[in-house]
Amino acid sequence: MPHFVIDCSQNIIKTKSPKKIIQKVYDTAESTDLFDKGDIKVRINPFEYYNIGNTEDDFIHIFANIMEGRTISQKKNLSRKIITELKLMFPNVPIISINIRDFEKATYCNKSMV
């Protein structure tokens, strides 16, 4: 159920393979025990064109969408673990960030639910 969408500068995937980056986020999210095995989804979007504070500094930002019901503490732990791992993987990237958004159970739907 959880979706982790990684937006990054194109240089990021020249430094490390997209598969390694995706796997790092996947493994870190799974290590928190907040999600059922096999439910985590991770995608990456490298950008060639962007403007970060009027610079072209490299960046990584993750949009995490998870089902409601986790505590603030659990979500904070998830954020910190992922950023810690990416910071180790990319020590020279100046911008590494994440935000977590909750899906509402009442309004979420996928094809297996119809």
PDB file of N, CA and C in Angstrom:
ATOM      1  N   MET A   1       0.802  -1.200   0.000  1.00  0.00           N
ATOM      2  CA  MET A   1       0.000   0.000   0.000  1.00  0.00           C
ATOM      3  C   MET A   1       0.844   1.263   0.000  1.00  0.00           C
ATOM      4  N   PRO A   2       1.865   1.384   0.817  1.00  0.00           N
ATOM      5  CA  PRO A   2       2.594   2.652   0.819  1.00  0.00           C
ATOM      6  C   PRO A   2       3.293   2.873  -0.520  1.00  0.00           C
ATOM      7  N   HIS A   3       3.263   4.123  -0.950  1.00  0.00           N
ATOM      8  CA  HIS A   3       3.931   4.526  -2.190  1.00  0.00           C
ATOM      9  C   HIS A   3       5.012   5.541  -1.830  1.00  0.00           C
ATOM     10  N   PHE A   4       6.224   5.282  -2.270  1.00  0.00           N
ATOM     11  CA  PHE A   4       7.338   6.204  -2.091  1.00  0.00           C
ATOM     12  C   PHE A   4       7.770   6.648  -3.480  1.00  0.00           C
ATOM     13  N   VAL A   5       7.557   7.932  -3.783  1.00  0.00           N
ATOM     14  CA  VAL A   5       7.912   8.475  -5.089  1.00  0.00           C
ATOM     15  C   VAL A   5       9.109   9.394  -4.888  1.00  0.00           C
ATOM     16  N   ILE A   6      10.218   9.009  -5.507  1.00  0.00           N
ATOM     17  CA  ILE A   6      11.473   9.743  -5.357  1.00  0.00           C
ATOM     18  C   ILE A   6      11.627  10.695  -6.532  1.00  0.00           C
ATOM     19  N   ASP A   7      11.636  11.988  -6.263  1.00  0.00           N
ATOM     20  CA  ASP A   7      12.003  12.984  -7.255  1.00  0.00           C
ATOM     21  C   ASP A   7      13.457  13.341  -7.000  1.00  0.00           C
ATOM     22  N   CYS A   8      14.243  13.450  -8.065  1.00  0.00           N
ATOM     23  CA  CYS A   8      15.655  13.775  -7.886  1.00  0.00           C
ATOM     24  C   CYS A   8      16.216  14.425  -9.140  1.00  0.00           C
ATOM     25  N   SER A   9      17.341  15.082  -8.976  1.00  0.00           N
ATOM     26  CA  SER A   9      18.051  15.600 -10.141  1.00  0.00           C
ATOM     27  C   SER A   9      18.629  14.421 -10.916  1.00  0.00           C
ATOM     28  N   GLN A  10      18.768  14.580 -12.204  1.00  0.00           N
ATOM     29  CA  GLN A  10      19.236  13.496 -13.057  1.00  0.00           C
ATOM     30  C   GLN A  10      20.635  13.018 -12.670  1.00  0.00           C
ATOM     31  N   ASN A  11      21.449  13.905 -12.117  1.00  0.00           N
ATOM     32  CA  ASN A  11      22.804  13.515 -11.699  1.00  0.00           C
ATOM     33  C   ASN A  11      22.792  12.427 -10.631  1.00  0.00           C
ATOM     34  N   ILE A  12      21.728  12.375  -9.850  1.00  0.00           N
ATOM     35  CA  ILE A  12      21.626  11.377  -8.776  1.00  0.00           C
ATOM     36  C   ILE A  12      21.716   9.971  -9.345  1.00  0.00           C
ATOM     37  N   ILE A  13      20.996   9.711 -10.439  1.00  0.00           N
ATOM     38  CA  ILE A  13      21.002   8.355 -10.998  1.00  0.00           C
ATOM     39  C   ILE A  13      22.256   8.076 -11.830  1.00  0.00           C
ATOM     40  N   LYS A  14      23.094   9.091 -12.024  1.00  0.00           N
ATOM     41  CA  LYS A  14      24.404   8.872 -12.649  1.00  0.00           C
ATOM     42  C   LYS A  14      25.420   8.455 -11.596  1.00  0.00           C
ATOM     43  N   THR A  15      25.151   8.834 -10.345  1.00  0.00           N
ATOM     44  CA  THR A  15      26.035   8.501  -9.235  1.00  0.00           C
ATOM     45  C   THR A  15      25.775   7.087  -8.730  1.00  0.00           C
ATOM     46  N   LYS A  16      24.509   6.748  -8.550  1.00  0.00           N
ATOM     47  CA  LYS A  16      24.071   5.411  -8.105  1.00  0.00           C
ATOM     48  C   LYS A  16      22.948   4.961  -9.032  1.00  0.00           C
ATOM     49  N   SER A  17      22.853   3.675  -9.237  1.00  0.00           N
ATOM     50  CA  SER A  17      21.812   3.172 -10.129  1.00  0.00           C
ATOM     51  C   SER A  17      20.432   3.387  -9.504  1.00  0.00           C
ATOM     52  N   PRO A  18      19.426   3.632 -10.347  1.00  0.00           N
ATOM     53  CA  PRO A  18      18.065   3.774  -9.822  1.00  0.00           C
ATOM     54  C   PRO A  18      17.646   2.551  -9.005  1.00  0.00           C
ATOM     55  N   LYS A  19      18.041   1.361  -9.434  1.00  0.00           N
ATOM     56  CA  LYS A  19      17.668   0.147  -8.695  1.00  0.00           C
ATOM     57  C   LYS A  19      18.233   0.158  -7.278  1.00  0.00           C
ATOM     58  N   LYS A  20      19.465   0.627  -7.104  1.00  0.00           N
ATOM     59  CA  LYS A  20      20.066   0.683  -5.763  1.00  0.00           C
ATOM     60  C   LYS A  20      19.363   1.707  -4.882  1.00  0.00           C
ATOM     61  N   ILE A  21      19.012   2.836  -5.465  1.00  0.00           N
ATOM     62  CA  ILE A  21      18.317   3.882  -4.704  1.00  0.00           C
ATOM     63  C   ILE A  21      16.937   3.391  -4.286  1.00  0.00           C
ATOM     64  N   ILE A  22      16.216   2.828  -5.230  1.00  0.00           N
ATOM     65  CA  ILE A  22      14.875   2.305  -4.951  1.00  0.00           C
ATOM     66  C   ILE A  22      14.945   1.218  -3.885  1.00  0.00           C
ATOM     67  N   GLN A  23      15.911   0.316  -4.006  1.00  0.00           N
ATOM     68  CA  GLN A  23      16.032  -0.778  -3.035  1.00  0.00           C
ATOM     69  C   GLN A  23      16.367  -0.260  -1.645  1.00  0.00           C
ATOM     70  N   LYS A  24      17.194   0.776  -1.568  1.00  0.00           N
ATOM     71  CA  LYS A  24      17.546   1.358  -0.260  1.00  0.00           C
ATOM     72  C   LYS A  24      16.304   1.924   0.421  1.00  0.00           C
ATOM     73  N   VAL A  25      15.488   2.650  -0.320  1.00  0.00           N
ATOM     74  CA  VAL A  25      14.257   3.208   0.249  1.00  0.00           C
ATOM     75  C   VAL A  25      13.313   2.075   0.643  1.00  0.00           C
ATOM     76  N   TYR A  26      13.172   1.087  -0.225  1.00  0.00           N
ATOM     77  CA  TYR A  26      12.305  -0.065   0.058  1.00  0.00           C
ATOM     78  C   TYR A  26      12.744  -0.774   1.340  1.00  0.00           C
ATOM     79  N   ASP A  27      14.029  -1.134   1.407  1.00  0.00           N
ATOM     80  CA  ASP A  27      14.549  -1.870   2.563  1.00  0.00           C
ATOM     81  C   ASP A  27      14.407  -1.076   3.860  1.00  0.00           C
ATOM     82  N   THR A  28      14.650   0.213   3.778  1.00  0.00           N
ATOM     83  CA  THR A  28      14.551   1.055   4.969  1.00  0.00           C
ATOM     84  C   THR A  28      13.102   1.153   5.434  1.00  0.00           C
ATOM     85  N   ALA A  29      12.183   1.351   4.513  1.00  0.00           N
ATOM     86  CA  ALA A  29      10.754   1.403   4.874  1.00  0.00           C
ATOM     87  C   ALA A  29      10.321   0.068   5.472  1.00  0.00           C
ATOM     88  N   GLU A  30      10.741  -1.016   4.865  1.00  0.00           N
ATOM     89  CA  GLU A  30      10.367  -2.349   5.362  1.00  0.00           C
ATOM     90  C   GLU A  30      10.929  -2.604   6.764  1.00  0.00           C
ATOM     91  N   SER A  31      12.111  -2.071   7.043  1.00  0.00           N
ATOM     92  CA  SER A  31      12.749  -2.296   8.346  1.00  0.00           C
ATOM     93  C   SER A  31      11.986  -1.675   9.509  1.00  0.00           C
ATOM     94  N   THR A  32      11.074  -0.748   9.230  1.00  0.00           N
ATOM     95  CA  THR A  32      10.308  -0.097  10.298  1.00  0.00           C
ATOM     96  C   THR A  32       9.161  -0.968  10.816  1.00  0.00           C
ATOM     97  N   ASP A  33       8.827  -2.035  10.085  1.00  0.00           N
ATOM     98  CA  ASP A  33       7.711  -2.923  10.441  1.00  0.00           C
ATOM     99  C   ASP A  33       6.356  -2.210  10.469  1.00  0.00           C
ATOM    100  N   LEU A  34       6.239  -1.117   9.729  1.00  0.00           N
ATOM    101  CA  LEU A  34       4.964  -0.395   9.645  1.00  0.00           C
ATOM    102  C   LEU A  34       4.070  -0.929   8.533  1.00  0.00           C
ATOM    103  N   PHE A  35       4.647  -1.728   7.633  1.00  0.00           N
ATOM    104  CA  PHE A  35       3.925  -2.152   6.440  1.00  0.00           C
ATOM    105  C   PHE A  35       4.005  -3.661   6.269  1.00  0.00           C
ATOM    106  N   ASP A  36       2.987  -4.224   5.626  1.00  0.00           N
ATOM    107  CA  ASP A  36       2.982  -5.653   5.335  1.00  0.00           C
ATOM    108  C   ASP A  36       4.036  -5.973   4.280  1.00  0.00           C
ATOM    109  N   LYS A  37       4.652  -7.134   4.409  1.00  0.00           N
ATOM    110  CA  LYS A  37       5.651  -7.574   3.433  1.00  0.00           C
ATOM    111  C   LYS A  37       5.042  -7.577   2.037  1.00  0.00           C
ATOM    112  N   GLY A  38       5.786  -7.060   1.086  1.00  0.00           N
ATOM    113  CA  GLY A  38       5.359  -7.052  -0.298  1.00  0.00           C
ATOM    114  C   GLY A  38       4.426  -5.926  -0.685  1.00  0.00           C
ATOM    115  N   ASP A  39       4.011  -5.092   0.269  1.00  0.00           N
ATOM    116  CA  ASP A  39       3.067  -4.012  -0.030  1.00  0.00           C
ATOM    117  C   ASP A  39       3.734  -2.698  -0.424  1.00  0.00           C
ATOM    118  N   ILE A  40       5.018  -2.554  -0.171  1.00  0.00           N
ATOM    119  CA  ILE A  40       5.707  -1.289  -0.399  1.00  0.00           C
ATOM    120  C   ILE A  40       5.965  -1.096  -1.895  1.00  0.00           C
ATOM    121  N   LYS A  41       5.699   0.107  -2.374  1.00  0.00           N
ATOM    122  CA  LYS A  41       5.937   0.464  -3.768  1.00  0.00           C
ATOM    123  C   LYS A  41       6.860   1.678  -3.807  1.00  0.00           C
ATOM    124  N   VAL A  42       7.899   1.613  -4.638  1.00  0.00           N
ATOM    125  CA  VAL A  42       8.861   2.712  -4.753  1.00  0.00           C
ATOM    126  C   VAL A  42       9.092   3.011  -6.233  1.00  0.00           C
ATOM    127  N   ARG A  43       9.037   4.288  -6.583  1.00  0.00           N
ATOM    128  CA  ARG A  43       9.301   4.734  -7.951  1.00  0.00           C
ATOM    129  C   ARG A  43      10.269   5.911  -7.908  1.00  0.00           C
ATOM    130  N   ILE A  44      10.949   6.145  -9.024  1.00  0.00           N
ATOM    131  CA  ILE A  44      11.894   7.263  -9.083  1.00  0.00           C
ATOM    132  C   ILE A  44      11.665   8.093 -10.342  1.00  0.00           C
ATOM    133  N   ASN A  45      11.710   9.415 -10.180  1.00  0.00           N
ATOM    134  CA  ASN A  45      11.558  10.373 -11.280  1.00  0.00           C
ATOM    135  C   ASN A  45      12.785  11.270 -11.324  1.00  0.00           C
ATOM    136  N   PRO A  46      13.725  11.011 -12.215  1.00  0.00           N
ATOM    137  CA  PRO A  46      14.869  11.926 -12.340  1.00  0.00           C
ATOM    138  C   PRO A  46      14.504  13.127 -13.226  1.00  0.00           C
ATOM    139  N   PHE A  47      14.907  14.300 -12.813  1.00  0.00           N
ATOM    140  CA  PHE A  47      14.602  15.521 -13.548  1.00  0.00           C
ATOM    141  C   PHE A  47      15.859  16.093 -14.191  1.00  0.00           C
ATOM    142  N   GLU A  48      15.744  16.394 -15.478  1.00  0.00           N
ATOM    143  CA  GLU A  48      16.832  17.067 -16.180  1.00  0.00           C
ATOM    144  C   GLU A  48      16.728  18.579 -15.990  1.00  0.00           C
ATOM    145  N   TYR A  49      15.497  19.059 -15.937  1.00  0.00           N
ATOM    146  CA  TYR A  49      15.260  20.499 -15.834  1.00  0.00           C
ATOM    147  C   TYR A  49      14.563  20.806 -14.518  1.00  0.00           C
ATOM    148  N   TYR A  50      15.144  21.726 -13.747  1.00  0.00           N
ATOM    149  CA  TYR A  50      14.575  22.118 -12.456  1.00  0.00           C
ATOM    150  C   TYR A  50      15.265  23.387 -11.981  1.00  0.00           C
ATOM    151  N   ASN A  51      14.694  24.012 -10.978  1.00  0.00           N
ATOM    152  CA  ASN A  51      15.263  25.208 -10.374  1.00  0.00           C
ATOM    153  C   ASN A  51      15.103  25.072  -8.869  1.00  0.00           C
ATOM    154  N   ILE A  52      16.210  25.021  -8.163  1.00  0.00           N
ATOM    155  CA  ILE A  52      16.212  24.894  -6.704  1.00  0.00           C
ATOM    156  C   ILE A  52      16.842  26.170  -6.135  1.00  0.00           C
ATOM    157  N   GLY A  53      16.002  27.090  -5.705  1.00  0.00           N
ATOM    158  CA  GLY A  53      16.530  28.343  -5.153  1.00  0.00           C
ATOM    159  C   GLY A  53      17.410  29.084  -6.137  1.00  0.00           C
ATOM    160  N   ASN A  54      17.020  29.021  -7.419  1.00  0.00           N
ATOM    161  CA  ASN A  54      17.755  29.653  -8.508  1.00  0.00           C
ATOM    162  C   ASN A  54      19.133  29.020  -8.727  1.00  0.00           C
ATOM    163  N   THR A  55      19.239  27.719  -8.380  1.00  0.00           N
ATOM    164  CA  THR A  55      20.463  26.964  -8.644  1.00  0.00           C
ATOM    165  C   THR A  55      20.086  25.665  -9.337  1.00  0.00           C
ATOM    166  N   GLU A  56      21.072  24.931  -9.740  1.00  0.00           N
ATOM    167  CA  GLU A  56      20.871  23.588 -10.266  1.00  0.00           C
ATOM    168  C   GLU A  56      21.562  22.572  -9.358  1.00  0.00           C
ATOM    169  N   ASP A  57      21.520  22.838  -8.041  1.00  0.00           N
ATOM    170  CA  ASP A  57      22.073  21.906  -7.063  1.00  0.00           C
ATOM    171  C   ASP A  57      21.325  20.576  -7.153  1.00  0.00           C
ATOM    172  N   ASP A  58      22.053  19.501  -6.915  1.00  0.00           N
ATOM    173  CA  ASP A  58      21.405  18.192  -6.892  1.00  0.00           C
ATOM    174  C   ASP A  58      20.445  18.109  -5.712  1.00  0.00           C
ATOM    175  N   PHE A  59      19.416  17.285  -5.881  1.00  0.00           N
ATOM    176  CA  PHE A  59      18.421  17.130  -4.822  1.00  0.00           C
ATOM    177  C   PHE A  59      17.797  15.752  -4.882  1.00  0.00           C
ATOM    178  N   ILE A  60      17.255  15.343  -3.740  1.00  0.00           N
ATOM    179  CA  ILE A  60      16.404  14.157  -3.627  1.00  0.00           C
ATOM    180  C   ILE A  60      15.252  14.552  -2.716  1.00  0.00           C
ATOM    181  N   HIS A  61      14.036  14.334  -3.176  1.00  0.00           N
ATOM    182  CA  HIS A  61      12.867  14.529  -2.318  1.00  0.00           C
ATOM    183  C   HIS A  61      11.938  13.344  -2.507  1.00  0.00           C
ATOM    184  N   ILE A  62      11.469  12.795  -1.397  1.00  0.00           N
ATOM    185  CA  ILE A  62      10.564  11.648  -1.447  1.00  0.00           C
ATOM    186  C   ILE A  62       9.182  12.073  -0.970  1.00  0.00           C
ATOM    187  N   PHE A  63       8.197  11.746  -1.786  1.00  0.00           N
ATOM    188  CA  PHE A  63       6.799  11.904  -1.412  1.00  0.00           C
ATOM    189  C   PHE A  63       6.319  10.535  -0.957  1.00  0.00           C
ATOM    190  N   ALA A  64       6.056  10.393   0.320  1.00  0.00           N
ATOM    191  CA  ALA A  64       5.598   9.121   0.882  1.00  0.00           C
ATOM    192  C   ALA A  64       4.098   9.222   1.147  1.00  0.00           C
ATOM    193  N   ASN A  65       3.357   8.313   0.560  1.00  0.00           N
ATOM    194  CA  ASN A  65       1.903   8.263   0.749  1.00  0.00           C
ATOM    195  C   ASN A  65       1.580   6.944   1.427  1.00  0.00           C
ATOM    196  N   ILE A  66       1.067   7.028   2.648  1.00  0.00           N
ATOM    197  CA  ILE A  66       0.789   5.821   3.430  1.00  0.00           C
ATOM    198  C   ILE A  66      -0.650   5.861   3.950  1.00  0.00           C
ATOM    199  N   MET A  67      -1.180   4.686   4.253  1.00  0.00           N
ATOM    200  CA  MET A  67      -2.543   4.615   4.792  1.00  0.00           C
ATOM    201  C   MET A  67      -2.569   5.249   6.180  1.00  0.00           C
ATOM    202  N   GLU A  68      -3.619   5.987   6.459  1.00  0.00           N
ATOM    203  CA  GLU A  68      -3.771   6.629   7.760  1.00  0.00           C
ATOM    204  C   GLU A  68      -3.722   5.585   8.875  1.00  0.00           C
ATOM    205  N   GLY A  69      -3.415   6.050  10.074  1.00  0.00           N
ATOM    206  CA  GLY A  69      -3.429   5.154  11.221  1.00  0.00           C
ATOM    207  C   GLY A  69      -2.103   5.059  11.949  1.00  0.00           C
ATOM    208  N   ARG A  70      -1.029   5.566  11.322  1.00  0.00           N
ATOM    209  CA  ARG A  70       0.271   5.557  12.009  1.00  0.00           C
ATOM    210  C   ARG A  70       0.374   6.800  12.881  1.00  0.00           C
ATOM    211  N   THR A  71       1.108   6.683  13.972  1.00  0.00           N
ATOM    212  CA  THR A  71       1.291   7.823  14.870  1.00  0.00           C
ATOM    213  C   THR A  71       2.319   8.791  14.287  1.00  0.00           C
ATOM    214  N   ILE A  72       2.310   9.997  14.817  1.00  0.00           N
ATOM    215  CA  ILE A  72       3.312  10.994  14.436  1.00  0.00           C
ATOM    216  C   ILE A  72       4.707  10.438  14.705  1.00  0.00           C
ATOM    217  N   SER A  73       4.883   9.780  15.823  1.00  0.00           N
ATOM    218  CA  SER A  73       6.174   9.205  16.181  1.00  0.00           C
ATOM    219  C   SER A  73       6.624   8.154  15.158  1.00  0.00           C
ATOM    220  N   GLN A  74       5.713   7.302  14.730  1.00  0.00           N
ATOM    221  CA  GLN A  74       6.046   6.285  13.728  1.00  0.00           C
ATOM    222  C   GLN A  74       6.430   6.933  12.398  1.00  0.00           C
ATOM    223  N   LYS A  75       5.694   7.951  11.998  1.00  0.00           N
ATOM    224  CA  LYS A  75       5.993   8.627  10.738  1.00  0.00           C
ATOM    225  C   LYS A  75       7.314   9.395  10.829  1.00  0.00           C
ATOM    226  N   LYS A  76       7.583   9.982  11.974  1.00  0.00           N
ATOM    227  CA  LYS A  76       8.852  10.683  12.175  1.00  0.00           C
ATOM    228  C   LYS A  76      10.013   9.697  12.096  1.00  0.00           C
ATOM    229  N   ASN A  77       9.864   8.546  12.715  1.00  0.00           N
ATOM    230  CA  ASN A  77      10.897   7.512  12.667  1.00  0.00           C
ATOM    231  C   ASN A  77      11.139   7.051  11.224  1.00  0.00           C
ATOM    232  N   LEU A  78      10.069   6.829  10.471  1.00  0.00           N
ATOM    233  CA  LEU A  78      10.172   6.438   9.072  1.00  0.00           C
ATOM    234  C   LEU A  78      10.937   7.496   8.275  1.00  0.00           C
ATOM    235  N   SER A  79      10.568   8.748   8.433  1.00  0.00           N
ATOM    236  CA  SER A  79      11.244   9.849   7.727  1.00  0.00           C
ATOM    237  C   SER A  79      12.727   9.900   8.063  1.00  0.00           C
ATOM    238  N   ARG A  80      13.026   9.856   9.344  1.00  0.00           N
ATOM    239  CA  ARG A  80      14.417   9.972   9.782  1.00  0.00           C
ATOM    240  C   ARG A  80      15.267   8.796   9.298  1.00  0.00           C
ATOM    241  N   LYS A  81      14.716   7.596   9.327  1.00  0.00           N
ATOM    242  CA  LYS A  81      15.473   6.425   8.865  1.00  0.00           C
ATOM    243  C   LYS A  81      15.790   6.517   7.376  1.00  0.00           C
ATOM    244  N   ILE A  82      14.816   6.901   6.588  1.00  0.00           N
ATOM    245  CA  ILE A  82      15.044   7.001   5.145  1.00  0.00           C
ATOM    246  C   ILE A  82      16.061   8.096   4.835  1.00  0.00           C
ATOM    247  N   ILE A  83      15.909   9.253   5.452  1.00  0.00           N
ATOM    248  CA  ILE A  83      16.850  10.347   5.195  1.00  0.00           C
ATOM    249  C   ILE A  83      18.247   9.992   5.683  1.00  0.00           C
ATOM    250  N   THR A  84      18.370   9.327   6.809  1.00  0.00           N
ATOM    251  CA  THR A  84      19.679   8.902   7.311  1.00  0.00           C
ATOM    252  C   THR A  84      20.380   7.996   6.304  1.00  0.00           C
ATOM    253  N   GLU A  85      19.643   7.022   5.763  1.00  0.00           N
ATOM    254  CA  GLU A  85      20.233   6.097   4.784  1.00  0.00           C
ATOM    255  C   GLU A  85      20.633   6.811   3.500  1.00  0.00           C
ATOM    256  N   LEU A  86      19.791   7.724   3.024  1.00  0.00           N
ATOM    257  CA  LEU A  86      20.122   8.448   1.798  1.00  0.00           C
ATOM    258  C   LEU A  86      21.283   9.415   2.012  1.00  0.00           C
ATOM    259  N   LYS A  87      21.365   9.977   3.195  1.00  0.00           N
ATOM    260  CA  LYS A  87      22.481  10.868   3.513  1.00  0.00           C
ATOM    261  C   LYS A  87      23.804  10.098   3.494  1.00  0.00           C
ATOM    262  N   LEU A  88      23.785   8.860   3.975  1.00  0.00           N
ATOM    263  CA  LEU A  88      24.978   8.016   3.914  1.00  0.00           C
ATOM    264  C   LEU A  88      25.316   7.643   2.467  1.00  0.00           C
ATOM    265  N   MET A  89      24.296   7.400   1.686  1.00  0.00           N
ATOM    266  CA  MET A  89      24.480   7.009   0.296  1.00  0.00           C
ATOM    267  C   MET A  89      24.952   8.181  -0.577  1.00  0.00           C
ATOM    268  N   PHE A  90      24.497   9.397  -0.235  1.00  0.00           N
ATOM    269  CA  PHE A  90      24.790  10.607  -1.016  1.00  0.00           C
ATOM    270  C   PHE A  90      25.298  11.730  -0.104  1.00  0.00           C
ATOM    271  N   PRO A  91      26.500  11.584   0.441  1.00  0.00           N
ATOM    272  CA  PRO A  91      26.979  12.578   1.415  1.00  0.00           C
ATOM    273  C   PRO A  91      27.182  13.987   0.842  1.00  0.00           C
ATOM    274  N   ASN A  92      27.321  14.110  -0.464  1.00  0.00           N
ATOM    275  CA  ASN A  92      27.586  15.423  -1.063  1.00  0.00           C
ATOM    276  C   ASN A  92      26.353  16.085  -1.675  1.00  0.00           C
ATOM    277  N   VAL A  93      25.203  15.436  -1.572  1.00  0.00           N
ATOM    278  CA  VAL A  93      23.981  16.037  -2.111  1.00  0.00           C
ATOM    279  C   VAL A  93      23.434  17.011  -1.062  1.00  0.00           C
ATOM    280  N   PRO A  94      23.274  18.285  -1.436  1.00  0.00           N
ATOM    281  CA  PRO A  94      22.894  19.284  -0.433  1.00  0.00           C
ATOM    282  C   PRO A  94      21.441  19.218   0.033  1.00  0.00           C
ATOM    283  N   ILE A  95      20.555  18.686  -0.792  1.00  0.00           N
ATOM    284  CA  ILE A  95      19.135  18.673  -0.439  1.00  0.00           C
ATOM    285  C   ILE A  95      18.609  17.244  -0.497  1.00  0.00           C
ATOM    286  N   ILE A  96      18.274  16.698   0.672  1.00  0.00           N
ATOM    287  CA  ILE A  96      17.661  15.374   0.777  1.00  0.00           C
ATOM    288  C   ILE A  96      16.505  15.525   1.754  1.00  0.00           C
ATOM    289  N   SER A  97      15.291  15.254   1.282  1.00  0.00           N
ATOM    290  CA  SER A  97      14.126  15.500   2.134  1.00  0.00           C
ATOM    291  C   SER A  97      13.006  14.508   1.823  1.00  0.00           C
ATOM    292  N   ILE A  98      12.017  14.493   2.728  1.00  0.00           N
ATOM    293  CA  ILE A  98      10.861  13.608   2.585  1.00  0.00           C
ATOM    294  C   ILE A  98       9.660  14.270   3.235  1.00  0.00           C
ATOM    295  N   ASN A  99       8.498  14.003   2.714  1.00  0.00           N
ATOM    296  CA  ASN A  99       7.272  14.336   3.445  1.00  0.00           C
ATOM    297  C   ASN A  99       6.332  13.145   3.350  1.00  0.00           C
ATOM    298  N   ILE A 100       5.570  12.958   4.412  1.00  0.00           N
ATOM    299  CA  ILE A 100       4.652  11.823   4.491  1.00  0.00           C
ATOM    300  C   ILE A 100       3.230  12.351   4.513  1.00  0.00           C
ATOM    301  N   ARG A 101       2.411  11.780   3.639  1.00  0.00           N
ATOM    302  CA  ARG A 101       0.996  12.138   3.571  1.00  0.00           C
ATOM    303  C   ARG A 101       0.178  10.879   3.838  1.00  0.00           C
ATOM    304  N   ASP A 102      -0.939  11.057   4.507  1.00  0.00           N
ATOM    305  CA  ASP A 102      -1.831   9.934   4.812  1.00  0.00           C
ATOM    306  C   ASP A 102      -2.935   9.808   3.771  1.00  0.00           C
ATOM    307  N   PHE A 103      -3.159   8.560   3.316  1.00  0.00           N
ATOM    308  CA  PHE A 103      -4.351   8.238   2.543  1.00  0.00           C
ATOM    309  C   PHE A 103      -5.493   8.073   3.538  1.00  0.00           C
ATOM    310  N   GLU A 104      -6.699   8.469   3.176  1.00  0.00           N
ATOM    311  CA  GLU A 104      -7.878   8.188   3.987  1.00  0.00           C
ATOM    312  C   GLU A 104      -8.416   6.817   3.599  1.00  0.00           C
ATOM    313  N   LYS A 105      -8.636   5.965   4.584  1.00  0.00           N
ATOM    314  CA  LYS A 105      -9.191   4.640   4.310  1.00  0.00           C
ATOM    315  C   LYS A 105     -10.550   4.747   3.621  1.00  0.00           C
ATOM    316  N   ALA A 106     -11.336   5.720   4.038  1.00  0.00           N
ATOM    317  CA  ALA A 106     -12.698   5.863   3.519  1.00  0.00           C
ATOM    318  C   ALA A 106     -12.731   6.202   2.032  1.00  0.00           C
ATOM    319  N   THR A 107     -11.710   6.884   1.528  1.00  0.00           N
ATOM    320  CA  THR A 107     -11.742   7.323   0.124  1.00  0.00           C
ATOM    321  C   THR A 107     -10.757   6.585  -0.765  1.00  0.00           C
ATOM    322  N   TYR A 108      -9.906   5.750  -0.202  1.00  0.00           N
ATOM    323  CA  TYR A 108      -8.934   5.010  -1.017  1.00  0.00           C
ATOM    324  C   TYR A 108      -9.626   3.850  -1.727  1.00  0.00           C
ATOM    325  N   CYS A 109      -9.233   3.635  -2.980  1.00  0.00           N
ATOM    326  CA  CYS A 109      -9.781   2.525  -3.744  1.00  0.00           C
ATOM    327  C   CYS A 109      -8.747   2.053  -4.750  1.00  0.00           C
ATOM    328  N   ASN A 110      -8.681   0.744  -4.949  1.00  0.00           N
ATOM    329  CA  ASN A 110      -7.877   0.186  -6.027  1.00  0.00           C
ATOM    330  C   ASN A 110      -8.711  -0.874  -6.729  1.00  0.00           C
ATOM    331  N   LYS A 111      -8.178  -1.435  -7.807  1.00  0.00           N
ATOM    332  CA  LYS A 111      -9.014  -2.315  -8.630  1.00  0.00           C
ATOM    333  C   LYS A 111      -9.464  -3.588  -7.929  1.00  0.00           C
ATOM    334  N   SER A 112      -8.702  -4.052  -6.941  1.00  0.00           N
ATOM    335  CA  SER A 112      -9.124  -5.265  -6.221  1.00  0.00           C
ATOM    336  C   SER A 112     -10.289  -4.995  -5.269  1.00  0.00           C
ATOM    337  N   MET A 113     -10.579  -3.719  -5.024  1.00  0.00           N
ATOM    338  CA  MET A 113     -11.659  -3.345  -4.119  1.00  0.00           C
ATOM    339  C   MET A 113     -12.986  -3.130  -4.853  1.00  0.00           C
ATOM    340  N   VAL A 114     -12.957  -3.162  -6.163  1.00  0.00           N
ATOM    341  CA  VAL A 114     -14.157  -2.876  -6.970  1.00  0.00           C
ATOM    342  C   VAL A 114     -14.739  -4.178  -7.496  1.00  0.00           C
TER     343      VAL A 114
END
